[in-house]
Every structure is written in C-alpha cells, then in structure tokens.
Amino acid sequence: MARPRQHAPEVLHGQVMAACDAWLRDNPVHTLSLRSLAREVGCAPSTLLKLYGSFGNLLQYVNVETLGRLRAAMEGLEGADPEPRLKALATAYWMFAQHEPYRWQMLFDYPLAQEGELDQRQNDMIEGLFVRVEASLTEYQPLMGEIEARRMARTLWGSVHGLVQLGLNERLGVWQGQSLEVTELLDQLLNTTLMGLKYGPRES
C-alpha cells in the first residue's frame, strides 16, 4: 500500500493558496469546497482542517493575500498631487476589481477575521488604504480637522466602492443607449467631493 503524501505546513499552505488562486481566476468562492481543495493539493480534508482550524479560516488567508495584492496595485501613486493621486487610487481600485472580480467579491461575501493575527493583518491593510486617502484629503485641504478627514475618507471610499460594485454587476444604467462608464463616474465623484472641500472646510 502506498504511503500517504506528507506535507510540511509551509509547503502545504503555499499549495493551498496557489490552488485557491487558480480557482478564483474563473470561479466564485461559493463553488469551492474543502473536499475539492484537498483533492487538488493531494491531501485529506482533515489535514486542511488541522492546518487552518476551519474552512472559514482558510478563506481568511486568501483574503489576506487579496488585500496584499490590492495594496500592491495601489502603490506607486504617492508622487502625484493630491487630486490626481485620489483619482489614481480610485481607478486602481476599479481596475483591480475588474481583473480579480472573484477575489475582490470574496472580501465582502465573507466576514473578515474577528480576532488574532489574521484580524490584525487584515485591519492593518484596510487601515493603510484609509490612511492614504486621509493624507491626500488633508494635503488637498490643510484646514480639514483630523476627525473630519477620517470621516470623509470613509465616506468617499464607500462611494467609490459602491460605484465599483455597481459597475461590476452592470447596474449603473445607460445614457442614450450607452452604458455609463465607471471611470467617468469616479471622476465626477472626486471632482464634486474635492470642489466641496476646497470651498467649505470645517474643523470638527
């Protein structure tokens, strides 16, 4: 009888992440199962449960990878002035969602980790995005207070996210027979927001 394949935890984790990546290129996460994933990497489902604790925890590691990719896609945009930088960040977010739609959607279909190392890593990555937006807003309007910048960054990015989500689902509607373009709507959103900040700052 052949001996079962043995996997070092680090090697197995790499194989699992690679298998998830291959699956999510063309399929939504809800079509992936622990059993099919175990079969793909050549181990028993119980081996994956021993390594990750649960299928949900395994998927949280995929979310960490996705957040890392998103962060990488939005790096290198620091040299521009704040207005084009914010527009570049919003465009990069849209392009990432277009290129990695199933990974991107998985971030919002599954709750993020609630405790431990995974929770901290995810929170740090998400907070890093907001910090970039906050810094750009306060650079654009130096009179903005800290709490106002925090609120505005989250309000603005919530609007960006909503347009991206509607764009992916083709729910933005049409004008004169043509679909409305996400990039044009993002520009309009940023122009309107920044115009308001330029003429109406308040210390909170």
N, C-alpha and C. Protein backbone atom coordinates (compact mmCIF):
# COMPACT_ATOMS: atom_id res chain seq x y z
N MET A 1 0.85 -1.19 0.00
CA MET A 1 0.00 0.00 0.00
C MET A 1 0.89 1.25 0.00
N ALA A 2 0.55 2.18 -0.87
CA ALA A 2 1.35 3.40 -0.95
C ALA A 2 1.15 4.25 0.30
N ARG A 3 2.21 4.89 0.74
CA ARG A 3 2.12 5.76 1.91
C ARG A 3 1.47 7.08 1.50
N PRO A 4 0.66 7.68 2.37
CA PRO A 4 0.07 8.97 2.03
C PRO A 4 1.12 10.05 1.89
N ARG A 5 0.85 11.02 1.04
CA ARG A 5 1.78 12.12 0.84
C ARG A 5 1.87 12.96 2.12
N GLN A 6 3.10 13.36 2.45
CA GLN A 6 3.32 14.19 3.62
C GLN A 6 3.58 15.64 3.17
N HIS A 7 3.07 16.59 3.91
CA HIS A 7 3.22 17.99 3.55
C HIS A 7 3.76 18.77 4.75
N ALA A 8 4.86 19.50 4.54
CA ALA A 8 5.27 20.47 5.55
C ALA A 8 4.23 21.58 5.58
N PRO A 9 3.90 22.12 6.75
CA PRO A 9 2.85 23.14 6.82
C PRO A 9 3.06 24.31 5.87
N GLU A 10 4.29 24.82 5.77
CA GLU A 10 4.55 25.96 4.89
C GLU A 10 4.34 25.59 3.43
N VAL A 11 4.79 24.40 3.07
CA VAL A 11 4.63 23.94 1.68
C VAL A 11 3.15 23.73 1.36
N LEU A 12 2.45 23.09 2.28
CA LEU A 12 1.03 22.85 2.07
C LEU A 12 0.26 24.17 1.96
N HIS A 13 0.60 25.12 2.82
CA HIS A 13 -0.08 26.41 2.76
C HIS A 13 0.14 27.07 1.40
N GLY A 14 1.36 27.01 0.90
CA GLY A 14 1.63 27.58 -0.42
C GLY A 14 0.83 26.90 -1.52
N GLN A 15 0.72 25.57 -1.42
CA GLN A 15 -0.05 24.83 -2.41
C GLN A 15 -1.54 25.18 -2.34
N VAL A 16 -2.04 25.34 -1.11
CA VAL A 16 -3.45 25.68 -0.93
C VAL A 16 -3.73 27.07 -1.50
N MET A 17 -2.88 28.03 -1.19
CA MET A 17 -3.09 29.38 -1.72
C MET A 17 -3.01 29.40 -3.24
N ALA A 18 -2.10 28.62 -3.80
CA ALA A 18 -1.99 28.56 -5.27
C ALA A 18 -3.23 27.93 -5.88
N ALA A 19 -3.76 26.89 -5.23
CA ALA A 19 -4.96 26.24 -5.73
C ALA A 19 -6.17 27.18 -5.64
N CYS A 20 -6.27 27.92 -4.56
CA CYS A 20 -7.35 28.90 -4.42
C CYS A 20 -7.23 29.98 -5.47
N ASP A 21 -6.01 30.43 -5.71
CA ASP A 21 -5.79 31.46 -6.72
C ASP A 21 -6.24 30.98 -8.09
N ALA A 22 -5.86 29.76 -8.44
CA ALA A 22 -6.26 29.22 -9.74
C ALA A 22 -7.78 29.11 -9.85
N TRP A 23 -8.43 28.71 -8.76
CA TRP A 23 -9.89 28.57 -8.78
C TRP A 23 -10.57 29.92 -8.94
N LEU A 24 -10.08 30.91 -8.19
CA LEU A 24 -10.74 32.22 -8.17
C LEU A 24 -10.49 33.05 -9.42
N ARG A 25 -9.62 32.58 -10.29
CA ARG A 25 -9.45 33.29 -11.56
C ARG A 25 -10.71 33.19 -12.41
N ASP A 26 -11.43 32.07 -12.29
CA ASP A 26 -12.57 31.84 -13.17
C ASP A 26 -13.85 31.47 -12.44
N ASN A 27 -13.80 31.32 -11.11
CA ASN A 27 -14.96 30.82 -10.38
C ASN A 27 -15.16 31.58 -9.08
N PRO A 28 -16.42 31.78 -8.68
CA PRO A 28 -16.68 32.41 -7.39
C PRO A 28 -16.35 31.46 -6.25
N VAL A 29 -16.10 32.02 -5.08
CA VAL A 29 -15.65 31.21 -3.96
C VAL A 29 -16.73 30.23 -3.49
N HIS A 30 -18.01 30.57 -3.66
CA HIS A 30 -19.05 29.68 -3.14
C HIS A 30 -19.10 28.34 -3.89
N THR A 31 -18.40 28.24 -5.02
CA THR A 31 -18.33 26.97 -5.73
C THR A 31 -17.13 26.12 -5.30
N LEU A 32 -16.33 26.64 -4.39
CA LEU A 32 -15.16 25.91 -3.89
C LEU A 32 -15.51 25.22 -2.58
N SER A 33 -15.07 23.99 -2.42
CA SER A 33 -15.33 23.25 -1.19
C SER A 33 -14.02 22.77 -0.59
N LEU A 34 -14.05 22.47 0.69
CA LEU A 34 -12.87 21.94 1.36
C LEU A 34 -12.43 20.62 0.72
N ARG A 35 -13.40 19.80 0.39
CA ARG A 35 -13.08 18.49 -0.18
C ARG A 35 -12.40 18.64 -1.54
N SER A 36 -12.93 19.50 -2.40
CA SER A 36 -12.33 19.67 -3.73
C SER A 36 -10.95 20.30 -3.63
N LEU A 37 -10.77 21.19 -2.68
CA LEU A 37 -9.47 21.82 -2.49
C LEU A 37 -8.45 20.81 -1.99
N ALA A 38 -8.86 19.97 -1.05
CA ALA A 38 -7.97 18.92 -0.55
C ALA A 38 -7.56 17.97 -1.67
N ARG A 39 -8.52 17.64 -2.51
CA ARG A 39 -8.22 16.76 -3.64
C ARG A 39 -7.22 17.42 -4.59
N GLU A 40 -7.35 18.72 -4.78
CA GLU A 40 -6.47 19.44 -5.70
C GLU A 40 -5.03 19.45 -5.21
N VAL A 41 -4.83 19.58 -3.90
CA VAL A 41 -3.46 19.65 -3.38
C VAL A 41 -2.95 18.28 -2.93
N GLY A 42 -3.79 17.26 -3.01
CA GLY A 42 -3.35 15.90 -2.72
C GLY A 42 -3.25 15.55 -1.26
N CYS A 43 -4.24 15.98 -0.47
CA CYS A 43 -4.25 15.62 0.94
C CYS A 43 -5.68 15.34 1.36
N ALA A 44 -5.85 14.89 2.59
CA ALA A 44 -7.19 14.64 3.11
C ALA A 44 -7.80 15.94 3.62
N PRO A 45 -9.12 16.09 3.57
CA PRO A 45 -9.76 17.29 4.13
C PRO A 45 -9.38 17.52 5.59
N SER A 46 -9.21 16.44 6.34
CA SER A 46 -8.85 16.58 7.75
C SER A 46 -7.48 17.23 7.93
N THR A 47 -6.59 17.04 6.95
CA THR A 47 -5.28 17.69 7.02
C THR A 47 -5.42 19.21 6.92
N LEU A 48 -6.31 19.66 6.05
CA LEU A 48 -6.53 21.11 5.92
C LEU A 48 -7.20 21.67 7.18
N LEU A 49 -8.10 20.89 7.76
CA LEU A 49 -8.74 21.34 9.00
C LEU A 49 -7.73 21.43 10.14
N LYS A 50 -6.80 20.50 10.16
CA LYS A 50 -5.76 20.54 11.18
C LYS A 50 -4.87 21.77 11.01
N LEU A 51 -4.60 22.12 9.77
CA LEU A 51 -3.71 23.25 9.49
C LEU A 51 -4.40 24.59 9.76
N TYR A 52 -5.67 24.72 9.35
CA TYR A 52 -6.35 26.02 9.40
C TYR A 52 -7.42 26.13 10.49
N GLY A 53 -7.86 25.01 11.00
CA GLY A 53 -8.91 25.04 12.03
C GLY A 53 -10.31 24.95 11.46
N SER A 54 -10.54 25.60 10.32
CA SER A 54 -11.84 25.56 9.66
C SER A 54 -11.67 26.04 8.23
N PHE A 55 -12.65 25.73 7.40
CA PHE A 55 -12.62 26.20 6.02
C PHE A 55 -12.72 27.73 5.99
N GLY A 56 -13.49 28.29 6.93
CA GLY A 56 -13.61 29.74 7.00
C GLY A 56 -12.28 30.42 7.28
N ASN A 57 -11.49 29.85 8.19
CA ASN A 57 -10.16 30.41 8.47
C ASN A 57 -9.25 30.31 7.25
N LEU A 58 -9.35 29.20 6.54
CA LEU A 58 -8.57 29.05 5.32
C LEU A 58 -8.88 30.19 4.35
N LEU A 59 -10.17 30.50 4.20
CA LEU A 59 -10.57 31.56 3.27
C LEU A 59 -10.09 32.92 3.75
N GLN A 60 -9.91 33.08 5.06
CA GLN A 60 -9.39 34.35 5.56
C GLN A 60 -7.95 34.58 5.12
N TYR A 61 -7.18 33.49 5.00
CA TYR A 61 -5.83 33.63 4.48
C TYR A 61 -5.85 34.07 3.02
N VAL A 62 -6.83 33.59 2.28
CA VAL A 62 -6.99 34.05 0.90
C VAL A 62 -7.31 35.54 0.89
N ASN A 63 -8.17 35.99 1.81
CA ASN A 63 -8.49 37.41 1.91
C ASN A 63 -7.26 38.24 2.23
N VAL A 64 -6.39 37.73 3.08
CA VAL A 64 -5.15 38.45 3.39
C VAL A 64 -4.31 38.60 2.12
N GLU A 65 -4.21 37.54 1.33
CA GLU A 65 -3.48 37.63 0.06
C GLU A 65 -4.12 38.65 -0.87
N THR A 66 -5.46 38.66 -0.92
CA THR A 66 -6.16 39.60 -1.78
C THR A 66 -5.89 41.03 -1.36
N LEU A 67 -5.96 41.29 -0.05
CA LEU A 67 -5.68 42.64 0.44
C LEU A 67 -4.24 43.04 0.12
N GLY A 68 -3.32 42.09 0.18
CA GLY A 68 -1.94 42.38 -0.18
C GLY A 68 -1.80 42.73 -1.65
N ARG A 69 -2.52 42.03 -2.49
CA ARG A 69 -2.49 42.34 -3.93
C ARG A 69 -3.12 43.71 -4.20
N LEU A 70 -4.20 43.99 -3.50
CA LEU A 70 -4.85 45.29 -3.67
C LEU A 70 -3.91 46.41 -3.24
N ARG A 71 -3.23 46.21 -2.12
CA ARG A 71 -2.28 47.22 -1.66
C ARG A 71 -1.18 47.42 -2.69
N ALA A 72 -0.66 46.33 -3.25
CA ALA A 72 0.39 46.44 -4.26
C ALA A 72 -0.09 47.18 -5.50
N ALA A 73 -1.36 46.95 -5.88
CA ALA A 73 -1.91 47.61 -7.06
C ALA A 73 -2.06 49.11 -6.85
N MET A 74 -2.14 49.54 -5.58
CA MET A 74 -2.35 50.95 -5.29
C MET A 74 -1.08 51.64 -4.82
N GLU A 75 0.04 50.93 -4.86
CA GLU A 75 1.31 51.54 -4.50
C GLU A 75 1.89 52.27 -5.71
N GLY A 76 2.87 53.11 -5.45
CA GLY A 76 3.49 53.85 -6.54
C GLY A 76 2.69 55.05 -6.99
N LEU A 77 1.67 55.44 -6.20
CA LEU A 77 0.83 56.57 -6.58
C LEU A 77 1.05 57.75 -5.64
N GLU A 78 2.17 57.76 -4.95
CA GLU A 78 2.39 58.76 -3.91
C GLU A 78 3.00 60.05 -4.43
N GLY A 79 3.57 60.03 -5.64
CA GLY A 79 4.28 61.21 -6.10
C GLY A 79 3.40 62.31 -6.67
N ALA A 80 2.18 61.99 -7.02
CA ALA A 80 1.32 62.97 -7.66
C ALA A 80 0.76 63.96 -6.65
N ASP A 81 0.21 65.04 -7.17
CA ASP A 81 -0.54 65.97 -6.32
C ASP A 81 -1.78 65.25 -5.79
N PRO A 82 -2.39 65.76 -4.71
CA PRO A 82 -3.47 65.01 -4.07
C PRO A 82 -4.67 64.73 -4.97
N GLU A 83 -5.07 65.67 -5.81
CA GLU A 83 -6.24 65.42 -6.65
C GLU A 83 -6.01 64.29 -7.65
N PRO A 84 -4.96 64.32 -8.49
CA PRO A 84 -4.73 63.18 -9.38
C PRO A 84 -4.39 61.90 -8.63
N ARG A 85 -3.80 62.03 -7.43
CA ARG A 85 -3.49 60.84 -6.65
C ARG A 85 -4.76 60.12 -6.21
N LEU A 86 -5.73 60.89 -5.71
CA LEU A 86 -7.00 60.29 -5.30
C LEU A 86 -7.71 59.64 -6.48
N LYS A 87 -7.67 60.30 -7.62
CA LYS A 87 -8.29 59.72 -8.81
C LYS A 87 -7.57 58.45 -9.24
N ALA A 88 -6.24 58.45 -9.10
CA ALA A 88 -5.47 57.25 -9.44
C ALA A 88 -5.78 56.10 -8.49
N LEU A 89 -5.95 56.41 -7.18
CA LEU A 89 -6.30 55.37 -6.22
C LEU A 89 -7.66 54.77 -6.55
N ALA A 90 -8.64 55.63 -6.87
CA ALA A 90 -9.97 55.13 -7.20
C ALA A 90 -9.94 54.30 -8.48
N THR A 91 -9.18 54.75 -9.47
CA THR A 91 -9.08 54.00 -10.72
C THR A 91 -8.38 52.66 -10.50
N ALA A 92 -7.34 52.65 -9.67
CA ALA A 92 -6.64 51.40 -9.38
C ALA A 92 -7.56 50.41 -8.68
N TYR A 93 -8.41 50.92 -7.80
CA TYR A 93 -9.39 50.06 -7.10
C TYR A 93 -10.35 49.43 -8.11
N TRP A 94 -10.82 50.22 -9.04
CA TRP A 94 -11.72 49.71 -10.08
C TRP A 94 -11.01 48.70 -10.98
N MET A 95 -9.79 48.99 -11.38
CA MET A 95 -9.06 48.07 -12.24
C MET A 95 -8.79 46.76 -11.54
N PHE A 96 -8.46 46.82 -10.25
CA PHE A 96 -8.22 45.58 -9.50
C PHE A 96 -9.49 44.74 -9.46
N ALA A 97 -10.62 45.37 -9.17
CA ALA A 97 -11.89 44.63 -9.11
C ALA A 97 -12.22 44.02 -10.46
N GLN A 98 -11.90 44.71 -11.53
CA GLN A 98 -12.14 44.16 -12.87
C GLN A 98 -11.25 42.95 -13.15
N HIS A 99 -10.00 43.05 -12.77
CA HIS A 99 -9.04 41.99 -13.08
C HIS A 99 -9.13 40.80 -12.13
N GLU A 100 -9.59 41.05 -10.90
CA GLU A 100 -9.69 39.98 -9.89
C GLU A 100 -11.10 39.98 -9.31
N PRO A 101 -12.14 39.83 -10.12
CA PRO A 101 -13.51 40.02 -9.62
C PRO A 101 -13.92 39.05 -8.53
N TYR A 102 -13.50 37.79 -8.64
CA TYR A 102 -13.93 36.81 -7.64
C TYR A 102 -13.16 36.97 -6.33
N ARG A 103 -11.89 37.32 -6.43
CA ARG A 103 -11.14 37.62 -5.21
C ARG A 103 -11.71 38.87 -4.54
N TRP A 104 -11.96 39.91 -5.33
CA TRP A 104 -12.47 41.17 -4.79
C TRP A 104 -13.82 40.95 -4.11
N GLN A 105 -14.72 40.21 -4.77
CA GLN A 105 -16.04 39.99 -4.20
C GLN A 105 -15.98 39.16 -2.93
N MET A 106 -15.01 38.26 -2.87
CA MET A 106 -14.88 37.41 -1.70
C MET A 106 -14.58 38.22 -0.44
N LEU A 107 -13.90 39.36 -0.59
CA LEU A 107 -13.62 40.22 0.56
C LEU A 107 -14.90 40.66 1.26
N PHE A 108 -15.99 40.75 0.50
CA PHE A 108 -17.23 41.29 1.03
C PHE A 108 -18.31 40.23 1.22
N ASP A 109 -18.10 39.07 0.60
CA ASP A 109 -19.05 37.97 0.78
C ASP A 109 -18.81 37.23 2.08
N TYR A 110 -17.57 37.25 2.56
CA TYR A 110 -17.22 36.54 3.78
C TYR A 110 -16.74 37.55 4.82
N PRO A 111 -17.28 37.52 6.03
CA PRO A 111 -16.82 38.45 7.07
C PRO A 111 -15.33 38.28 7.31
N LEU A 112 -14.66 39.39 7.56
CA LEU A 112 -13.23 39.32 7.87
C LEU A 112 -13.03 38.69 9.24
N ALA A 113 -11.79 38.28 9.50
CA ALA A 113 -11.47 37.65 10.78
C ALA A 113 -11.82 38.58 11.93
N GLN A 114 -12.19 38.00 13.06
CA GLN A 114 -12.64 38.77 14.21
C GLN A 114 -11.63 38.86 15.34
N GLU A 115 -10.58 38.06 15.27
CA GLU A 115 -9.60 38.08 16.36
C GLU A 115 -8.30 37.46 15.89
N GLY A 116 -7.26 37.67 16.67
CA GLY A 116 -5.97 37.02 16.43
C GLY A 116 -5.15 37.70 15.35
N GLU A 117 -4.12 36.99 14.89
CA GLU A 117 -3.17 37.53 13.92
C GLU A 117 -3.84 37.92 12.61
N LEU A 118 -4.75 37.06 12.11
CA LEU A 118 -5.41 37.37 10.86
C LEU A 118 -6.20 38.66 10.95
N ASP A 119 -6.89 38.83 12.05
CA ASP A 119 -7.67 40.05 12.26
C ASP A 119 -6.76 41.28 12.21
N GLN A 120 -5.62 41.21 12.88
CA GLN A 120 -4.69 42.35 12.92
C GLN A 120 -4.13 42.63 11.53
N ARG A 121 -3.74 41.58 10.81
CA ARG A 121 -3.16 41.78 9.48
C ARG A 121 -4.18 42.39 8.53
N GLN A 122 -5.42 41.91 8.58
CA GLN A 122 -6.45 42.46 7.71
C GLN A 122 -6.75 43.90 8.07
N ASN A 123 -6.89 44.18 9.36
CA ASN A 123 -7.19 45.55 9.79
C ASN A 123 -6.07 46.52 9.41
N ASP A 124 -4.82 46.08 9.55
CA ASP A 124 -3.69 46.94 9.19
C ASP A 124 -3.72 47.29 7.71
N MET A 125 -4.05 46.31 6.87
CA MET A 125 -4.08 46.56 5.43
C MET A 125 -5.23 47.50 5.05
N ILE A 126 -6.40 47.28 5.66
CA ILE A 126 -7.55 48.14 5.37
C ILE A 126 -7.30 49.55 5.87
N GLU A 127 -6.76 49.66 7.08
CA GLU A 127 -6.47 50.98 7.63
C GLU A 127 -5.43 51.71 6.78
N GLY A 128 -4.48 50.96 6.21
CA GLY A 128 -3.48 51.57 5.35
C GLY A 128 -4.09 52.27 4.15
N LEU A 129 -5.13 51.68 3.58
CA LEU A 129 -5.83 52.31 2.46
C LEU A 129 -6.49 53.60 2.92
N PHE A 130 -7.20 53.56 4.04
CA PHE A 130 -7.87 54.76 4.53
C PHE A 130 -6.87 55.87 4.86
N VAL A 131 -5.70 55.49 5.41
CA VAL A 131 -4.68 56.47 5.76
C VAL A 131 -4.20 57.20 4.51
N ARG A 132 -4.05 56.47 3.42
CA ARG A 132 -3.65 57.10 2.16
C ARG A 132 -4.68 58.12 1.69
N VAL A 133 -5.94 57.74 1.78
CA VAL A 133 -7.00 58.65 1.36
C VAL A 133 -7.05 59.85 2.29
N GLU A 134 -6.97 59.61 3.61
CA GLU A 134 -6.98 60.72 4.57
C GLU A 134 -5.84 61.68 4.31
N ALA A 135 -4.65 61.15 4.09
CA ALA A 135 -3.48 62.00 3.87
C ALA A 135 -3.65 62.86 2.62
N SER A 136 -4.22 62.27 1.58
CA SER A 136 -4.43 63.02 0.35
C SER A 136 -5.47 64.12 0.55
N LEU A 137 -6.52 63.82 1.32
CA LEU A 137 -7.56 64.82 1.57
C LEU A 137 -7.02 65.99 2.39
N THR A 138 -6.24 65.70 3.42
CA THR A 138 -5.70 66.78 4.25
C THR A 138 -4.62 67.57 3.52
N GLU A 139 -3.91 66.92 2.60
CA GLU A 139 -2.95 67.65 1.78
C GLU A 139 -3.68 68.60 0.83
N TYR A 140 -4.81 68.12 0.31
CA TYR A 140 -5.61 68.94 -0.59
C TYR A 140 -6.24 70.11 0.16
N GLN A 141 -6.74 69.85 1.38
CA GLN A 141 -7.38 70.89 2.18
C GLN A 141 -6.77 70.85 3.59
N PRO A 142 -5.68 71.61 3.80
CA PRO A 142 -4.97 71.56 5.09
C PRO A 142 -5.81 72.03 6.28
N LEU A 143 -6.88 72.76 6.03
CA LEU A 143 -7.70 73.24 7.14
C LEU A 143 -8.66 72.17 7.68
N MET A 144 -8.68 71.02 7.04
CA MET A 144 -9.58 69.96 7.48
C MET A 144 -9.10 69.36 8.79
N GLY A 145 -10.01 69.19 9.74
CA GLY A 145 -9.66 68.58 11.01
C GLY A 145 -9.45 67.07 10.88
N GLU A 146 -8.76 66.49 11.87
CA GLU A 146 -8.41 65.07 11.81
C GLU A 146 -9.65 64.18 11.76
N ILE A 147 -10.63 64.44 12.61
CA ILE A 147 -11.81 63.59 12.62
C ILE A 147 -12.62 63.77 11.34
N GLU A 148 -12.64 64.99 10.82
CA GLU A 148 -13.35 65.22 9.57
C GLU A 148 -12.68 64.46 8.43
N ALA A 149 -11.34 64.45 8.43
CA ALA A 149 -10.61 63.72 7.40
C ALA A 149 -10.89 62.23 7.48
N ARG A 150 -10.95 61.69 8.69
CA ARG A 150 -11.25 60.27 8.85
C ARG A 150 -12.64 59.94 8.33
N ARG A 151 -13.60 60.79 8.69
CA ARG A 151 -14.97 60.54 8.23
C ARG A 151 -15.08 60.70 6.72
N MET A 152 -14.45 61.75 6.19
CA MET A 152 -14.54 62.00 4.76
C MET A 152 -13.88 60.88 3.95
N ALA A 153 -12.74 60.38 4.44
CA ALA A 153 -12.06 59.29 3.74
C ALA A 153 -12.96 58.07 3.62
N ARG A 154 -13.65 57.74 4.68
CA ARG A 154 -14.53 56.57 4.67
C ARG A 154 -15.80 56.82 3.86
N THR A 155 -16.32 58.04 3.94
CA THR A 155 -17.49 58.37 3.12
C THR A 155 -17.15 58.33 1.63
N LEU A 156 -16.01 58.94 1.29
CA LEU A 156 -15.59 58.96 -0.10
C LEU A 156 -15.33 57.57 -0.62
N TRP A 157 -14.60 56.76 0.18
CA TRP A 157 -14.27 55.43 -0.33
C TRP A 157 -15.48 54.50 -0.36
N GLY A 158 -16.43 54.74 0.54
CA GLY A 158 -17.68 53.99 0.45
C GLY A 158 -18.40 54.28 -0.86
N SER A 159 -18.33 55.52 -1.32
CA SER A 159 -18.95 55.89 -2.60
C SER A 159 -18.19 55.27 -3.76
N VAL A 160 -16.85 55.30 -3.68
CA VAL A 160 -16.04 54.65 -4.71
C VAL A 160 -16.39 53.16 -4.80
N HIS A 161 -16.45 52.53 -3.63
CA HIS A 161 -16.77 51.11 -3.59
C HIS A 161 -18.14 50.82 -4.21
N GLY A 162 -19.12 51.66 -3.90
CA GLY A 162 -20.45 51.46 -4.44
C GLY A 162 -20.47 51.53 -5.96
N LEU A 163 -19.75 52.49 -6.53
CA LEU A 163 -19.69 52.59 -7.98
C LEU A 163 -18.99 51.38 -8.60
N VAL A 164 -17.93 50.93 -7.94
CA VAL A 164 -17.22 49.75 -8.44
C VAL A 164 -18.12 48.51 -8.40
N GLN A 165 -18.83 48.33 -7.29
CA GLN A 165 -19.73 47.19 -7.16
C GLN A 165 -20.82 47.24 -8.23
N LEU A 166 -21.44 48.39 -8.42
CA LEU A 166 -22.48 48.52 -9.44
C LEU A 166 -21.92 48.33 -10.84
N GLY A 167 -20.69 48.81 -11.05
CA GLY A 167 -20.07 48.64 -12.36
C GLY A 167 -19.79 47.18 -12.68
N LEU A 168 -19.29 46.44 -11.69
CA LEU A 168 -19.03 45.01 -11.91
C LEU A 168 -20.32 44.26 -12.21
N ASN A 169 -21.40 44.66 -11.55
CA ASN A 169 -22.69 43.98 -11.74
C ASN A 169 -23.50 44.56 -12.89
N GLU A 170 -22.89 45.54 -13.60
CA GLU A 170 -23.56 46.18 -14.75
C GLU A 170 -24.93 46.72 -14.34
N ARG A 171 -24.93 47.48 -13.25
CA ARG A 171 -26.17 48.04 -12.71
C ARG A 171 -26.14 49.57 -12.67
N LEU A 172 -25.28 50.18 -13.49
CA LEU A 172 -25.19 51.63 -13.49
C LEU A 172 -26.13 52.28 -14.49
N GLY A 173 -26.78 51.48 -15.31
CA GLY A 173 -27.74 52.03 -16.26
C GLY A 173 -27.07 52.51 -17.54
N VAL A 174 -27.86 53.12 -18.40
CA VAL A 174 -27.39 53.58 -19.72
C VAL A 174 -27.83 55.02 -19.93
N TRP A 175 -27.14 55.69 -20.84
CA TRP A 175 -27.49 57.04 -21.27
C TRP A 175 -27.36 57.11 -22.78
N GLN A 176 -28.48 57.39 -23.44
CA GLN A 176 -28.53 57.45 -24.90
C GLN A 176 -27.98 56.17 -25.52
N GLY A 177 -28.40 55.07 -24.96
CA GLY A 177 -28.05 53.76 -25.50
C GLY A 177 -26.68 53.25 -25.13
N GLN A 178 -25.91 54.02 -24.36
CA GLN A 178 -24.56 53.61 -23.98
C GLN A 178 -24.49 53.41 -22.46
N SER A 179 -23.78 52.35 -22.06
CA SER A 179 -23.59 52.10 -20.63
C SER A 179 -22.76 53.22 -20.01
N LEU A 180 -23.15 53.63 -18.82
CA LEU A 180 -22.37 54.63 -18.10
C LEU A 180 -21.03 54.02 -17.66
N GLU A 181 -19.96 54.77 -17.84
CA GLU A 181 -18.61 54.26 -17.56
C GLU A 181 -18.22 54.54 -16.11
N VAL A 182 -17.71 53.53 -15.45
CA VAL A 182 -17.30 53.67 -14.06
C VAL A 182 -16.22 54.74 -13.91
N THR A 183 -15.25 54.75 -14.81
CA THR A 183 -14.16 55.73 -14.67
C THR A 183 -14.68 57.16 -14.75
N GLU A 184 -15.66 57.41 -15.61
CA GLU A 184 -16.22 58.75 -15.72
C GLU A 184 -16.99 59.13 -14.46
N LEU A 185 -17.71 58.16 -13.90
CA LEU A 185 -18.46 58.43 -12.68
C LEU A 185 -17.53 58.63 -11.49
N LEU A 186 -16.43 57.90 -11.46
CA LEU A 186 -15.44 58.10 -10.39
C LEU A 186 -14.84 59.50 -10.49
N ASP A 187 -14.54 59.94 -11.70
CA ASP A 187 -14.02 61.30 -11.87
C ASP A 187 -15.02 62.34 -11.38
N GLN A 188 -16.29 62.12 -11.73
CA GLN A 188 -17.32 63.08 -11.30
C GLN A 188 -17.45 63.09 -9.78
N LEU A 189 -17.40 61.91 -9.17
CA LEU A 189 -17.47 61.82 -7.71
C LEU A 189 -16.32 62.57 -7.07
N LEU A 190 -15.09 62.35 -7.55
CA LEU A 190 -13.93 63.01 -6.96
C LEU A 190 -13.98 64.52 -7.20
N ASN A 191 -14.36 64.93 -8.41
CA ASN A 191 -14.43 66.36 -8.70
C ASN A 191 -15.42 67.06 -7.79
N THR A 192 -16.58 66.45 -7.60
CA THR A 192 -17.62 67.06 -6.76
C THR A 192 -17.17 67.12 -5.30
N THR A 193 -16.58 66.01 -4.81
CA THR A 193 -16.12 65.97 -3.42
C THR A 193 -15.04 67.00 -3.16
N LEU A 194 -14.06 67.05 -4.04
CA LEU A 194 -12.94 67.96 -3.83
C LEU A 194 -13.35 69.42 -4.00
N MET A 195 -14.29 69.68 -4.88
CA MET A 195 -14.80 71.03 -5.01
C MET A 195 -15.45 71.49 -3.70
N GLY A 196 -16.21 70.59 -3.09
CA GLY A 196 -16.83 70.93 -1.81
C GLY A 196 -15.81 71.16 -0.72
N LEU A 197 -14.74 70.36 -0.70
CA LEU A 197 -13.69 70.54 0.30
C LEU A 197 -12.92 71.84 0.09
N LYS A 198 -12.76 72.22 -1.16
CA LYS A 198 -11.98 73.41 -1.46
C LYS A 198 -12.63 74.67 -0.92
N TYR A 199 -13.97 74.68 -0.94
CA TYR A 199 -14.65 75.91 -0.56
C TYR A 199 -15.41 75.81 0.75
N GLY A 200 -15.42 74.64 1.38
CA GLY A 200 -16.20 74.54 2.60
C GLY A 200 -15.57 73.75 3.71
N PRO A 201 -14.28 73.96 4.07
CA PRO A 201 -13.68 73.20 5.17
C PRO A 201 -14.22 73.62 6.51
N ARG A 202 -14.26 72.67 7.43
CA ARG A 202 -14.69 72.96 8.79
C ARG A 202 -13.85 72.14 9.75
N GLU A 203 -13.47 72.72 10.82
CA GLU A 203 -12.77 71.99 11.91
C GLU A 203 -13.82 71.31 12.76
N SER A 204 -13.69 69.96 12.96
CA SER A 204 -14.68 69.23 13.78
C SER A 204 -14.08 68.92 15.12
